[in-house]
Amino acid sequence: MARPAKTQQPDYGAHLASLRHAASLSQQQVADLVGVRQATVAAWERSATPPRGEFLVPLSETLAVSLEVLLQADKRKSARHRGPASKLENLVAQATQLPRRRQQRIASLLEALIAEEAKAS
């Protein structure tokens, strides 16, 4: 049985934990399916921010939700402090409506472009 939390979960961590519970998965099961340690999943659930980009697609597939739903708690929080969505945010929102295979392809392309830009900087 898990220990009770000493502090309140941040918005994103609570959102991720609720998605995991809705999928009827334990932290260990999510960890095995995503390819990380259980402690990593526990840390994500205590975090105020989403996991690194490389884990978002596998995590969304494991939890059987779109990337938009996976990132929803974070978007609601940031939407209170900003203006309209950027062009990139709109493109990501459109990509989340595509089948998973196409989402994975787009994520791979983005990762390659970001790595290329990081090298150029």
PDB file of N, CA and C in Angstrom:
ATOM      1  N   MET A   1       0.833  -1.169   0.000  1.00  0.00           N
ATOM      2  CA  MET A   1       0.000   0.000   0.000  1.00  0.00           C
ATOM      3  C   MET A   1       0.881   1.237   0.000  1.00  0.00           C
ATOM      4  N   ALA A   2       0.495   2.247  -0.749  1.00  0.00           N
ATOM      5  CA  ALA A   2       1.294   3.450  -0.898  1.00  0.00           C
ATOM      6  C   ALA A   2       1.193   4.338   0.336  1.00  0.00           C
ATOM      7  N   ARG A   3       2.269   5.114   0.549  1.00  0.00           N
ATOM      8  CA  ARG A   3       2.263   6.085   1.639  1.00  0.00           C
ATOM      9  C   ARG A   3       1.378   7.263   1.264  1.00  0.00           C
ATOM     10  N   PRO A   4       0.721   7.874   2.233  1.00  0.00           N
ATOM     11  CA  PRO A   4      -0.064   9.078   1.926  1.00  0.00           C
ATOM     12  C   PRO A   4       0.886  10.230   1.607  1.00  0.00           C
ATOM     13  N   ALA A   5       0.471  11.096   0.711  1.00  0.00           N
ATOM     14  CA  ALA A   5       1.289  12.236   0.319  1.00  0.00           C
ATOM     15  C   ALA A   5       1.373  13.235   1.465  1.00  0.00           C
ATOM     16  N   LYS A   6       2.566  13.812   1.659  1.00  0.00           N
ATOM     17  CA  LYS A   6       2.750  14.803   2.713  1.00  0.00           C
ATOM     18  C   LYS A   6       2.315  16.186   2.250  1.00  0.00           C
ATOM     19  N   THR A   7       2.411  16.419   0.959  1.00  0.00           N
ATOM     20  CA  THR A   7       2.012  17.708   0.403  1.00  0.00           C
ATOM     21  C   THR A   7       1.015  17.475  -0.722  1.00  0.00           C
ATOM     22  N   GLN A   8       0.308  18.532  -1.071  1.00  0.00           N
ATOM     23  CA  GLN A   8      -0.675  18.431  -2.149  1.00  0.00           C
ATOM     24  C   GLN A   8       0.047  18.301  -3.485  1.00  0.00           C
ATOM     25  N   GLN A   9      -0.493  17.455  -4.367  1.00  0.00           N
ATOM     26  CA  GLN A   9       0.105  17.274  -5.685  1.00  0.00           C
ATOM     27  C   GLN A   9      -0.070  18.531  -6.523  1.00  0.00           C
ATOM     28  N   PRO A  10       0.965  18.891  -7.313  1.00  0.00           N
ATOM     29  CA  PRO A  10       0.791  19.995  -8.261  1.00  0.00           C
ATOM     30  C   PRO A  10      -0.274  19.627  -9.295  1.00  0.00           C
ATOM     31  N   ASP A  11      -0.805  20.646  -9.976  1.00  0.00           N
ATOM     32  CA  ASP A  11      -1.869  20.424 -10.956  1.00  0.00           C
ATOM     33  C   ASP A  11      -1.500  19.341 -11.967  1.00  0.00           C
ATOM     34  N   TYR A  12      -0.284  19.436 -12.549  1.00  0.00           N
ATOM     35  CA  TYR A  12       0.052  18.461 -13.584  1.00  0.00           C
ATOM     36  C   TYR A  12       0.188  17.061 -13.003  1.00  0.00           C
ATOM     37  N   GLY A  13       0.866  16.928 -11.877  1.00  0.00           N
ATOM     38  CA  GLY A  13       1.048  15.614 -11.268  1.00  0.00           C
ATOM     39  C   GLY A  13      -0.277  14.958 -10.931  1.00  0.00           C
ATOM     40  N   ALA A  14      -1.205  15.737 -10.392  1.00  0.00           N
ATOM     41  CA  ALA A  14      -2.529  15.205 -10.060  1.00  0.00           C
ATOM     42  C   ALA A  14      -3.266  14.774 -11.328  1.00  0.00           C
ATOM     43  N   HIS A  15      -3.113  15.556 -12.390  1.00  0.00           N
ATOM     44  CA  HIS A  15      -3.752  15.225 -13.665  1.00  0.00           C
ATOM     45  C   HIS A  15      -3.205  13.906 -14.207  1.00  0.00           C
ATOM     46  N   LEU A  16      -1.887  13.764 -14.176  1.00  0.00           N
ATOM     47  CA  LEU A  16      -1.261  12.538 -14.673  1.00  0.00           C
ATOM     48  C   LEU A  16      -1.687  11.329 -13.839  1.00  0.00           C
ATOM     49  N   ALA A  17      -1.721  11.502 -12.530  1.00  0.00           N
ATOM     50  CA  ALA A  17      -2.148  10.399 -11.657  1.00  0.00           C
ATOM     51  C   ALA A  17      -3.596  10.006 -11.944  1.00  0.00           C
ATOM     52  N   SER A  18      -4.456  10.992 -12.192  1.00  0.00           N
ATOM     53  CA  SER A  18      -5.858  10.664 -12.479  1.00  0.00           C
ATOM     54  C   SER A  18      -5.990   9.937 -13.807  1.00  0.00           C
ATOM     55  N   LEU A  19      -5.174  10.296 -14.800  1.00  0.00           N
ATOM     56  CA  LEU A  19      -5.195   9.577 -16.083  1.00  0.00           C
ATOM     57  C   LEU A  19      -4.731   8.135 -15.896  1.00  0.00           C
ATOM     58  N   ARG A  20      -3.703   7.947 -15.058  1.00  0.00           N
ATOM     59  CA  ARG A  20      -3.195   6.601 -14.791  1.00  0.00           C
ATOM     60  C   ARG A  20      -4.256   5.773 -14.086  1.00  0.00           C
ATOM     61  N   HIS A  21      -4.922   6.357 -13.106  1.00  0.00           N
ATOM     62  CA  HIS A  21      -5.981   5.636 -12.387  1.00  0.00           C
ATOM     63  C   HIS A  21      -7.137   5.296 -13.326  1.00  0.00           C
ATOM     64  N   ALA A  22      -7.481   6.236 -14.217  1.00  0.00           N
ATOM     65  CA  ALA A  22      -8.574   5.991 -15.167  1.00  0.00           C
ATOM     66  C   ALA A  22      -8.242   4.834 -16.103  1.00  0.00           C
ATOM     67  N   ALA A  23      -6.951   4.661 -16.392  1.00  0.00           N
ATOM     68  CA  ALA A  23      -6.510   3.557 -17.249  1.00  0.00           C
ATOM     69  C   ALA A  23      -6.325   2.264 -16.452  1.00  0.00           C
ATOM     70  N   SER A  24      -6.580   2.318 -15.146  1.00  0.00           N
ATOM     71  CA  SER A  24      -6.432   1.159 -14.249  1.00  0.00           C
ATOM     72  C   SER A  24      -5.029   0.572 -14.299  1.00  0.00           C
ATOM     73  N   LEU A  25      -4.040   1.455 -14.247  1.00  0.00           N
ATOM     74  CA  LEU A  25      -2.645   1.023 -14.289  1.00  0.00           C
ATOM     75  C   LEU A  25      -1.923   1.474 -13.030  1.00  0.00           C
ATOM     76  N   SER A  26      -0.978   0.654 -12.587  1.00  0.00           N
ATOM     77  CA  SER A  26      -0.122   1.046 -11.467  1.00  0.00           C
ATOM     78  C   SER A  26       1.050   1.867 -12.010  1.00  0.00           C
ATOM     79  N   GLN A  27       1.763   2.522 -11.125  1.00  0.00           N
ATOM     80  CA  GLN A  27       2.954   3.252 -11.558  1.00  0.00           C
ATOM     81  C   GLN A  27       3.951   2.295 -12.210  1.00  0.00           C
ATOM     82  N   GLN A  28       4.095   1.109 -11.651  1.00  0.00           N
ATOM     83  CA  GLN A  28       5.044   0.134 -12.203  1.00  0.00           C
ATOM     84  C   GLN A  28       4.633  -0.296 -13.608  1.00  0.00           C
ATOM     85  N   GLN A  29       3.349  -0.511 -13.829  1.00  0.00           N
ATOM     86  CA  GLN A  29       2.879  -0.896 -15.160  1.00  0.00           C
ATOM     87  C   GLN A  29       3.146   0.214 -16.174  1.00  0.00           C
ATOM     88  N   VAL A  30       2.881   1.453 -15.798  1.00  0.00           N
ATOM     89  CA  VAL A  30       3.159   2.581 -16.692  1.00  0.00           C
ATOM     90  C   VAL A  30       4.652   2.642 -16.977  1.00  0.00           C
ATOM     91  N   ALA A  31       5.459   2.494 -15.937  1.00  0.00           N
ATOM     92  CA  ALA A  31       6.914   2.534 -16.101  1.00  0.00           C
ATOM     93  C   ALA A  31       7.388   1.462 -17.081  1.00  0.00           C
ATOM     94  N   ASP A  32       6.889   0.248 -16.934  1.00  0.00           N
ATOM     95  CA  ASP A  32       7.284  -0.850 -17.819  1.00  0.00           C
ATOM     96  C   ASP A  32       6.893  -0.561 -19.267  1.00  0.00           C
ATOM     97  N   LEU A  33       5.699  -0.024 -19.471  1.00  0.00           N
ATOM     98  CA  LEU A  33       5.211   0.234 -20.829  1.00  0.00           C
ATOM     99  C   LEU A  33       5.902   1.425 -21.485  1.00  0.00           C
ATOM    100  N   VAL A  34       6.300   2.412 -20.688  1.00  0.00           N
ATOM    101  CA  VAL A  34       6.957   3.609 -21.234  1.00  0.00           C
ATOM    102  C   VAL A  34       8.465   3.393 -21.346  1.00  0.00           C
ATOM    103  N   GLY A  35       9.004   2.493 -20.520  1.00  0.00           N
ATOM    104  CA  GLY A  35      10.439   2.215 -20.568  1.00  0.00           C
ATOM    105  C   GLY A  35      11.246   3.064 -19.596  1.00  0.00           C
ATOM    106  N   VAL A  36      10.650   3.341 -18.425  1.00  0.00           N
ATOM    107  CA  VAL A  36      11.346   4.089 -17.385  1.00  0.00           C
ATOM    108  C   VAL A  36      11.198   3.340 -16.067  1.00  0.00           C
ATOM    109  N   ARG A  37      11.838   3.854 -15.017  1.00  0.00           N
ATOM    110  CA  ARG A  37      11.703   3.244 -13.695  1.00  0.00           C
ATOM    111  C   ARG A  37      10.417   3.726 -13.027  1.00  0.00           C
ATOM    112  N   GLN A  38       9.922   2.941 -12.086  1.00  0.00           N
ATOM    113  CA  GLN A  38       8.718   3.323 -11.341  1.00  0.00           C
ATOM    114  C   GLN A  38       8.940   4.636 -10.615  1.00  0.00           C
ATOM    115  N   ALA A  39      10.128   4.862 -10.117  1.00  0.00           N
ATOM    116  CA  ALA A  39      10.436   6.103  -9.411  1.00  0.00           C
ATOM    117  C   ALA A  39      10.286   7.319 -10.329  1.00  0.00           C
ATOM    118  N   THR A  40      10.542   7.125 -11.615  1.00  0.00           N
ATOM    119  CA  THR A  40      10.380   8.212 -12.580  1.00  0.00           C
ATOM    120  C   THR A  40       8.910   8.578 -12.713  1.00  0.00           C
ATOM    121  N   VAL A  41       8.045   7.571 -12.807  1.00  0.00           N
ATOM    122  CA  VAL A  41       6.601   7.825 -12.901  1.00  0.00           C
ATOM    123  C   VAL A  41       6.135   8.529 -11.630  1.00  0.00           C
ATOM    124  N   ALA A  42       6.619   8.081 -10.475  1.00  0.00           N
ATOM    125  CA  ALA A  42       6.257   8.716  -9.210  1.00  0.00           C
ATOM    126  C   ALA A  42       6.692  10.180  -9.204  1.00  0.00           C
ATOM    127  N   ALA A  43       7.879  10.455  -9.729  1.00  0.00           N
ATOM    128  CA  ALA A  43       8.372  11.841  -9.796  1.00  0.00           C
ATOM    129  C   ALA A  43       7.501  12.682 -10.722  1.00  0.00           C
ATOM    130  N   TRP A  44       7.084  12.111 -11.845  1.00  0.00           N
ATOM    131  CA  TRP A  44       6.195  12.835 -12.766  1.00  0.00           C
ATOM    132  C   TRP A  44       4.901  13.215 -12.053  1.00  0.00           C
ATOM    133  N   GLU A  45       4.408  12.309 -11.218  1.00  0.00           N
ATOM    134  CA  GLU A  45       3.145  12.562 -10.520  1.00  0.00           C
ATOM    135  C   GLU A  45       3.297  13.555  -9.366  1.00  0.00           C
ATOM    136  N   ARG A  46       4.534  13.878  -9.004  1.00  0.00           N
ATOM    137  CA  ARG A  46       4.780  14.907  -7.990  1.00  0.00           C
ATOM    138  C   ARG A  46       5.214  16.223  -8.629  1.00  0.00           C
ATOM    139  N   SER A  47       5.315  16.235  -9.940  1.00  0.00           N
ATOM    140  CA  SER A  47       5.848  17.398 -10.649  1.00  0.00           C
ATOM    141  C   SER A  47       4.754  18.372 -11.072  1.00  0.00           C
ATOM    142  N   ALA A  48       5.147  19.618 -11.204  1.00  0.00           N
ATOM    143  CA  ALA A  48       4.223  20.646 -11.698  1.00  0.00           C
ATOM    144  C   ALA A  48       4.301  20.765 -13.214  1.00  0.00           C
ATOM    145  N   THR A  49       5.248  20.061 -13.824  1.00  0.00           N
ATOM    146  CA  THR A  49       5.424  20.142 -15.279  1.00  0.00           C
ATOM    147  C   THR A  49       5.366  18.754 -15.909  1.00  0.00           C
ATOM    148  N   PRO A  50       5.015  18.674 -17.200  1.00  0.00           N
ATOM    149  CA  PRO A  50       4.959  17.376 -17.879  1.00  0.00           C
ATOM    150  C   PRO A  50       6.347  16.755 -18.044  1.00  0.00           C
ATOM    151  N   PRO A  51       6.395  15.464 -18.340  1.00  0.00           N
ATOM    152  CA  PRO A  51       7.678  14.809 -18.616  1.00  0.00           C
ATOM    153  C   PRO A  51       8.335  15.398 -19.866  1.00  0.00           C
ATOM    154  N   ARG A  52       9.600  15.071 -20.075  1.00  0.00           N
ATOM    155  CA  ARG A  52      10.314  15.518 -21.273  1.00  0.00           C
ATOM    156  C   ARG A  52       9.606  15.003 -22.522  1.00  0.00           C
ATOM    157  N   GLY A  53       9.791  15.722 -23.604  1.00  0.00           N
ATOM    158  CA  GLY A  53       9.101  15.437 -24.856  1.00  0.00           C
ATOM    159  C   GLY A  53       9.215  14.015 -25.357  1.00  0.00           C
ATOM    160  N   GLU A  54      10.362  13.394 -25.167  1.00  0.00           N
ATOM    161  CA  GLU A  54      10.565  12.041 -25.677  1.00  0.00           C
ATOM    162  C   GLU A  54       9.643  11.005 -25.026  1.00  0.00           C
ATOM    163  N   PHE A  55       9.091  11.349 -23.864  1.00  0.00           N
ATOM    164  CA  PHE A  55       8.213  10.418 -23.154  1.00  0.00           C
ATOM    165  C   PHE A  55       6.734  10.701 -23.385  1.00  0.00           C
ATOM    166  N   LEU A  56       6.405  11.812 -24.010  1.00  0.00           N
ATOM    167  CA  LEU A  56       5.002  12.195 -24.139  1.00  0.00           C
ATOM    168  C   LEU A  56       4.195  11.241 -25.017  1.00  0.00           C
ATOM    169  N   VAL A  57       4.721  10.886 -26.185  1.00  0.00           N
ATOM    170  CA  VAL A  57       3.975   9.983 -27.074  1.00  0.00           C
ATOM    171  C   VAL A  57       3.822   8.601 -26.443  1.00  0.00           C
ATOM    172  N   PRO A  58       4.908   7.980 -25.941  1.00  0.00           N
ATOM    173  CA  PRO A  58       4.712   6.666 -25.304  1.00  0.00           C
ATOM    174  C   PRO A  58       3.757   6.735 -24.105  1.00  0.00           C
ATOM    175  N   LEU A  59       3.826   7.826 -23.350  1.00  0.00           N
ATOM    176  CA  LEU A  59       2.951   7.972 -22.190  1.00  0.00           C
ATOM    177  C   LEU A  59       1.499   8.132 -22.621  1.00  0.00           C
ATOM    178  N   SER A  60       1.265   8.932 -23.660  1.00  0.00           N
ATOM    179  CA  SER A  60      -0.114   9.104 -24.133  1.00  0.00           C
ATOM    180  C   SER A  60      -0.667   7.789 -24.680  1.00  0.00           C
ATOM    181  N   GLU A  61       0.170   7.014 -25.349  1.00  0.00           N
ATOM    182  CA  GLU A  61      -0.280   5.715 -25.866  1.00  0.00           C
ATOM    183  C   GLU A  61      -0.575   4.748 -24.720  1.00  0.00           C
ATOM    184  N   THR A  62       0.279   4.738 -23.719  1.00  0.00           N
ATOM    185  CA  THR A  62       0.082   3.853 -22.568  1.00  0.00           C
ATOM    186  C   THR A  62      -1.212   4.171 -21.837  1.00  0.00           C
ATOM    187  N   LEU A  63      -1.498   5.473 -21.700  1.00  0.00           N
ATOM    188  CA  LEU A  63      -2.699   5.889 -20.984  1.00  0.00           C
ATOM    189  C   LEU A  63      -3.922   5.970 -21.895  1.00  0.00           C
ATOM    190  N   ALA A  64      -3.715   5.707 -23.195  1.00  0.00           N
ATOM    191  CA  ALA A  64      -4.794   5.719 -24.192  1.00  0.00           C
ATOM    192  C   ALA A  64      -5.506   7.072 -24.248  1.00  0.00           C
ATOM    193  N   VAL A  65      -4.701   8.148 -24.252  1.00  0.00           N
ATOM    194  CA  VAL A  65      -5.234   9.498 -24.387  1.00  0.00           C
ATOM    195  C   VAL A  65      -4.420  10.246 -25.430  1.00  0.00           C
ATOM    196  N   SER A  66      -4.987  11.303 -25.977  1.00  0.00           N
ATOM    197  CA  SER A  66      -4.248  12.120 -26.941  1.00  0.00           C
ATOM    198  C   SER A  66      -3.210  12.959 -26.202  1.00  0.00           C
ATOM    199  N   LEU A  67      -2.255  13.483 -26.963  1.00  0.00           N
ATOM    200  CA  LEU A  67      -1.267  14.373 -26.365  1.00  0.00           C
ATOM    201  C   LEU A  67      -1.943  15.607 -25.766  1.00  0.00           C
ATOM    202  N   GLU A  68      -2.987  16.065 -26.429  1.00  0.00           N
ATOM    203  CA  GLU A  68      -3.713  17.229 -25.928  1.00  0.00           C
ATOM    204  C   GLU A  68      -4.289  16.959 -24.536  1.00  0.00           C
ATOM    205  N   VAL A  69      -4.890  15.802 -24.350  1.00  0.00           N
ATOM    206  CA  VAL A  69      -5.443  15.452 -23.044  1.00  0.00           C
ATOM    207  C   VAL A  69      -4.314  15.279 -22.029  1.00  0.00           C
ATOM    208  N   LEU A  70      -3.229  14.638 -22.436  1.00  0.00           N
ATOM    209  CA  LEU A  70      -2.095  14.420 -21.544  1.00  0.00           C
ATOM    210  C   LEU A  70      -1.541  15.750 -21.035  1.00  0.00           C
ATOM    211  N   LEU A  71      -1.511  16.748 -21.879  1.00  0.00           N
ATOM    212  CA  LEU A  71      -0.944  18.048 -21.519  1.00  0.00           C
ATOM    213  C   LEU A  71      -1.992  19.046 -21.030  1.00  0.00           C
ATOM    214  N   GLN A  72      -3.225  18.634 -20.935  1.00  0.00           N
ATOM    215  CA  GLN A  72      -4.334  19.530 -20.625  1.00  0.00           C
ATOM    216  C   GLN A  72      -4.139  20.325 -19.335  1.00  0.00           C
ATOM    217  N   ALA A  73      -3.726  19.709 -18.260  1.00  0.00           N
ATOM    218  CA  ALA A  73      -3.582  20.422 -16.983  1.00  0.00           C
ATOM    219  C   ALA A  73      -2.581  21.553 -17.127  1.00  0.00           C
ATOM    220  N   ASP A  74      -1.507  21.300 -17.843  1.00  0.00           N
ATOM    221  CA  ASP A  74      -0.475  22.322 -18.030  1.00  0.00           C
ATOM    222  C   ASP A  74      -0.998  23.460 -18.897  1.00  0.00           C
ATOM    223  N   LYS A  75      -1.789  23.136 -19.935  1.00  0.00           N
ATOM    224  CA  LYS A  75      -2.315  24.163 -20.830  1.00  0.00           C
ATOM    225  C   LYS A  75      -3.285  25.080 -20.099  1.00  0.00           C
ATOM    226  N   ARG A  76      -4.147  24.523 -19.241  1.00  0.00           N
ATOM    227  CA  ARG A  76      -5.094  25.352 -18.511  1.00  0.00           C
ATOM    228  C   ARG A  76      -4.361  26.347 -17.633  1.00  0.00           C
ATOM    229  N   LYS A  77      -3.296  25.905 -16.990  1.00  0.00           N
ATOM    230  CA  LYS A  77      -2.537  26.780 -16.106  1.00  0.00           C
ATOM    231  C   LYS A  77      -1.862  27.888 -16.903  1.00  0.00           C
ATOM    232  N   SER A  78      -1.215  27.550 -18.013  1.00  0.00           N
ATOM    233  CA  SER A  78      -0.510  28.553 -18.797  1.00  0.00           C
ATOM    234  C   SER A  78      -1.472  29.468 -19.543  1.00  0.00           C
ATOM    235  N   ALA A  79      -2.662  29.006 -19.861  1.00  0.00           N
ATOM    236  CA  ALA A  79      -3.624  29.824 -20.594  1.00  0.00           C
ATOM    237  C   ALA A  79      -4.082  31.025 -19.761  1.00  0.00           C
ATOM    238  N   ARG A  80      -4.040  30.906 -18.458  1.00  0.00           N
ATOM    239  CA  ARG A  80      -4.443  32.026 -17.606  1.00  0.00           C
ATOM    240  C   ARG A  80      -3.437  33.166 -17.655  1.00  0.00           C
ATOM    241  N   HIS A  81      -2.209  32.885 -18.068  1.00  0.00           N
ATOM    242  CA  HIS A  81      -1.144  33.873 -18.015  1.00  0.00           C
ATOM    243  C   HIS A  81      -0.709  34.372 -19.385  1.00  0.00           C
ATOM    244  N   ARG A  82      -1.332  33.901 -20.433  1.00  0.00           N
ATOM    245  CA  ARG A  82      -0.873  34.260 -21.768  1.00  0.00           C
ATOM    246  C   ARG A  82      -2.026  34.645 -22.660  1.00  0.00           C
ATOM    247  N   GLY A  83      -1.654  35.131 -23.827  1.00  0.00           N
ATOM    248  CA  GLY A  83      -2.642  35.487 -24.826  1.00  0.00           C
ATOM    249  C   GLY A  83      -3.042  34.267 -25.638  1.00  0.00           C
ATOM    250  N   PRO A  84      -3.394  34.498 -26.910  1.00  0.00           N
ATOM    251  CA  PRO A  84      -3.834  33.393 -27.768  1.00  0.00           C
ATOM    252  C   PRO A  84      -2.722  32.374 -28.011  1.00  0.00           C
ATOM    253  N   ALA A  85      -3.139  31.189 -28.409  1.00  0.00           N
ATOM    254  CA  ALA A  85      -2.184  30.116 -28.692  1.00  0.00           C
ATOM    255  C   ALA A  85      -1.277  30.496 -29.854  1.00  0.00           C
ATOM    256  N   SER A  86      -0.035  30.033 -29.782  1.00  0.00           N
ATOM    257  CA  SER A  86       0.915  30.299 -30.854  1.00  0.00           C
ATOM    258  C   SER A  86       0.633  29.378 -32.046  1.00  0.00           C
ATOM    259  N   LYS A  87       1.269  29.677 -33.149  1.00  0.00           N
ATOM    260  CA  LYS A  87       1.109  28.852 -34.347  1.00  0.00           C
ATOM    261  C   LYS A  87       1.557  27.418 -34.056  1.00  0.00           C
ATOM    262  N   LEU A  88       2.673  27.270 -33.343  1.00  0.00           N
ATOM    263  CA  LEU A  88       3.169  25.936 -33.010  1.00  0.00           C
ATOM    264  C   LEU A  88       2.171  25.182 -32.132  1.00  0.00           C
ATOM    265  N   GLU A  89       1.590  25.856 -31.159  1.00  0.00           N
ATOM    266  CA  GLU A  89       0.591  25.206 -30.301  1.00  0.00           C
ATOM    267  C   GLU A  89      -0.625  24.761 -31.110  1.00  0.00           C
ATOM    268  N   ASN A  90      -1.036  25.585 -32.072  1.00  0.00           N
ATOM    269  CA  ASN A  90      -2.157  25.201 -32.928  1.00  0.00           C
ATOM    270  C   ASN A  90      -1.812  23.993 -33.790  1.00  0.00           C
ATOM    271  N   LEU A  91      -0.583  23.937 -34.297  1.00  0.00           N
ATOM    272  CA  LEU A  91      -0.156  22.793 -35.102  1.00  0.00           C
ATOM    273  C   LEU A  91      -0.104  21.521 -34.257  1.00  0.00           C
ATOM    274  N   VAL A  92       0.377  21.632 -33.037  1.00  0.00           N
ATOM    275  CA  VAL A  92       0.430  20.464 -32.144  1.00  0.00           C
ATOM    276  C   VAL A  92      -0.987  19.988 -31.839  1.00  0.00           C
ATOM    277  N   ALA A  93      -1.885  20.932 -31.602  1.00  0.00           N
ATOM    278  CA  ALA A  93      -3.281  20.560 -31.342  1.00  0.00           C
ATOM    279  C   ALA A  93      -3.877  19.810 -32.539  1.00  0.00           C
ATOM    280  N   GLN A  94      -3.553  20.268 -33.757  1.00  0.00           N
ATOM    281  CA  GLN A  94      -4.034  19.575 -34.959  1.00  0.00           C
ATOM    282  C   GLN A  94      -3.413  18.188 -35.061  1.00  0.00           C
ATOM    283  N   ALA A  95      -2.127  18.080 -34.743  1.00  0.00           N
ATOM    284  CA  ALA A  95      -1.433  16.791 -34.831  1.00  0.00           C
ATOM    285  C   ALA A  95      -2.024  15.780 -33.855  1.00  0.00           C
ATOM    286  N   THR A  96      -2.509  16.239 -32.705  1.00  0.00           N
ATOM    287  CA  THR A  96      -3.072  15.304 -31.725  1.00  0.00           C
ATOM    288  C   THR A  96      -4.364  14.665 -32.215  1.00  0.00           C
ATOM    289  N   GLN A  97      -4.955  15.218 -33.241  1.00  0.00           N
ATOM    290  CA  GLN A  97      -6.184  14.653 -33.791  1.00  0.00           C
ATOM    291  C   GLN A  97      -5.903  13.543 -34.799  1.00  0.00           C
ATOM    292  N   LEU A  98      -4.645  13.390 -35.190  1.00  0.00           N
ATOM    293  CA  LEU A  98      -4.262  12.370 -36.170  1.00  0.00           C
ATOM    294  C   LEU A  98      -4.116  11.012 -35.493  1.00  0.00           C
ATOM    295  N   PRO A  99      -4.109   9.937 -36.295  1.00  0.00           N
ATOM    296  CA  PRO A  99      -3.859   8.605 -35.723  1.00  0.00           C
ATOM    297  C   PRO A  99      -2.473   8.556 -35.064  1.00  0.00           C
ATOM    298  N   ARG A 100      -2.304   7.665 -34.119  1.00  0.00           N
ATOM    299  CA  ARG A 100      -1.059   7.592 -33.339  1.00  0.00           C
ATOM    300  C   ARG A 100       0.190   7.424 -34.180  1.00  0.00           C
ATOM    301  N   ARG A 101       0.125   6.596 -35.192  1.00  0.00           N
ATOM    302  CA  ARG A 101       1.306   6.389 -36.049  1.00  0.00           C
ATOM    303  C   ARG A 101       1.766   7.701 -36.662  1.00  0.00           C
ATOM    304  N   ARG A 102       0.809   8.511 -37.104  1.00  0.00           N
ATOM    305  CA  ARG A 102       1.149   9.807 -37.700  1.00  0.00           C
ATOM    306  C   ARG A 102       1.654  10.767 -36.626  1.00  0.00           C
ATOM    307  N   GLN A 103       1.087  10.674 -35.425  1.00  0.00           N
ATOM    308  CA  GLN A 103       1.584  11.500 -34.315  1.00  0.00           C
ATOM    309  C   GLN A 103       3.043  11.163 -34.010  1.00  0.00           C
ATOM    310  N   GLN A 104       3.346   9.860 -34.015  1.00  0.00           N
ATOM    311  CA  GLN A 104       4.716   9.427 -33.754  1.00  0.00           C
ATOM    312  C   GLN A 104       5.664   9.952 -34.831  1.00  0.00           C
ATOM    313  N   ARG A 105       5.233   9.920 -36.057  1.00  0.00           N
ATOM    314  CA  ARG A 105       6.053  10.412 -37.163  1.00  0.00           C
ATOM    315  C   ARG A 105       6.331  11.911 -36.995  1.00  0.00           C
ATOM    316  N   ILE A 106       5.296  12.663 -36.668  1.00  0.00           N
ATOM    317  CA  ILE A 106       5.459  14.105 -36.466  1.00  0.00           C
ATOM    318  C   ILE A 106       6.372  14.366 -35.272  1.00  0.00           C
ATOM    319  N   ALA A 107       6.198  13.609 -34.188  1.00  0.00           N
ATOM    320  CA  ALA A 107       7.047  13.778 -33.007  1.00  0.00           C
ATOM    321  C   ALA A 107       8.509  13.490 -33.355  1.00  0.00           C
ATOM    322  N   SER A 108       8.750  12.465 -34.148  1.00  0.00           N
ATOM    323  CA  SER A 108      10.120  12.135 -34.561  1.00  0.00           C
ATOM    324  C   SER A 108      10.725  13.256 -35.400  1.00  0.00           C
ATOM    325  N   LEU A 109       9.928  13.802 -36.308  1.00  0.00           N
ATOM    326  CA  LEU A 109      10.410  14.915 -37.133  1.00  0.00           C
ATOM    327  C   LEU A 109      10.729  16.135 -36.270  1.00  0.00           C
ATOM    328  N   LEU A 110       9.864  16.442 -35.335  1.00  0.00           N
ATOM    329  CA  LEU A 110      10.101  17.580 -34.439  1.00  0.00           C
ATOM    330  C   LEU A 110      11.365  17.372 -33.609  1.00  0.00           C
ATOM    331  N   GLU A 111      11.534  16.176 -33.075  1.00  0.00           N
ATOM    332  CA  GLU A 111      12.719  15.883 -32.276  1.00  0.00           C
ATOM    333  C   GLU A 111      13.985  16.069 -33.101  1.00  0.00           C
ATOM    334  N   ALA A 112      13.965  15.601 -34.351  1.00  0.00           N
ATOM    335  CA  ALA A 112      15.128  15.755 -35.227  1.00  0.00           C
ATOM    336  C   ALA A 112      15.401  17.227 -35.522  1.00  0.00           C
ATOM    337  N   LEU A 113      14.357  17.993 -35.796  1.00  0.00           N
ATOM    338  CA  LEU A 113      14.531  19.420 -36.068  1.00  0.00           C
ATOM    339  C   LEU A 113      15.053  20.171 -34.852  1.00  0.00           C
ATOM    340  N   ILE A 114      14.535  19.843 -33.686  1.00  0.00           N
ATOM    341  CA  ILE A 114      14.982  20.495 -32.458  1.00  0.00           C
ATOM    342  C   ILE A 114      16.447  20.153 -32.173  1.00  0.00           C
ATOM    343  N   ALA A 115      16.819  18.894 -32.373  1.00  0.00           N
ATOM    344  CA  ALA A 115      18.220  18.498 -32.175  1.00  0.00           C
ATOM    345  C   ALA A 115      19.125  19.232 -33.154  1.00  0.00           C
ATOM    346  N   GLU A 116      18.681  19.379 -34.383  1.00  0.00           N
ATOM    347  CA  GLU A 116      19.444  20.097 -35.404  1.00  0.00           C
ATOM    348  C   GLU A 116      19.621  21.566 -35.018  1.00  0.00           C
ATOM    349  N   GLU A 117      18.558  22.177 -34.531  1.00  0.00           N
ATOM    350  CA  GLU A 117      18.621  23.581 -34.089  1.00  0.00           C
ATOM    351  C   GLU A 117      19.530  23.755 -32.888  1.00  0.00           C
ATOM    352  N   ALA A 118      19.503  22.778 -31.974  1.00  0.00           N
ATOM    353  CA  ALA A 118      20.344  22.851 -30.786  1.00  0.00           C
ATOM    354  C   ALA A 118      21.825  22.796 -31.182  1.00  0.00           C
ATOM    355  N   LYS A 119      22.154  21.981 -32.174  1.00  0.00           N
ATOM    356  CA  LYS A 119      23.539  21.883 -32.646  1.00  0.00           C
ATOM    357  C   LYS A 119      23.971  23.180 -33.311  1.00  0.00           C
ATOM    358  N   ALA A 120      23.043  23.840 -34.025  1.00  0.00           N
ATOM    359  CA  ALA A 120      23.368  25.072 -34.743  1.00  0.00           C
ATOM    360  C   ALA A 120      23.564  26.248 -33.779  1.00  0.00           C
ATOM    361  N   SER A 121      22.992  26.155 -32.578  1.00  0.00           N
ATOM    362  CA  SER A 121      23.091  27.265 -31.610  1.00  0.00           C
ATOM    363  C   SER A 121      24.423  27.343 -30.947  1.00  0.00           C
TER     364      SER A 121
END
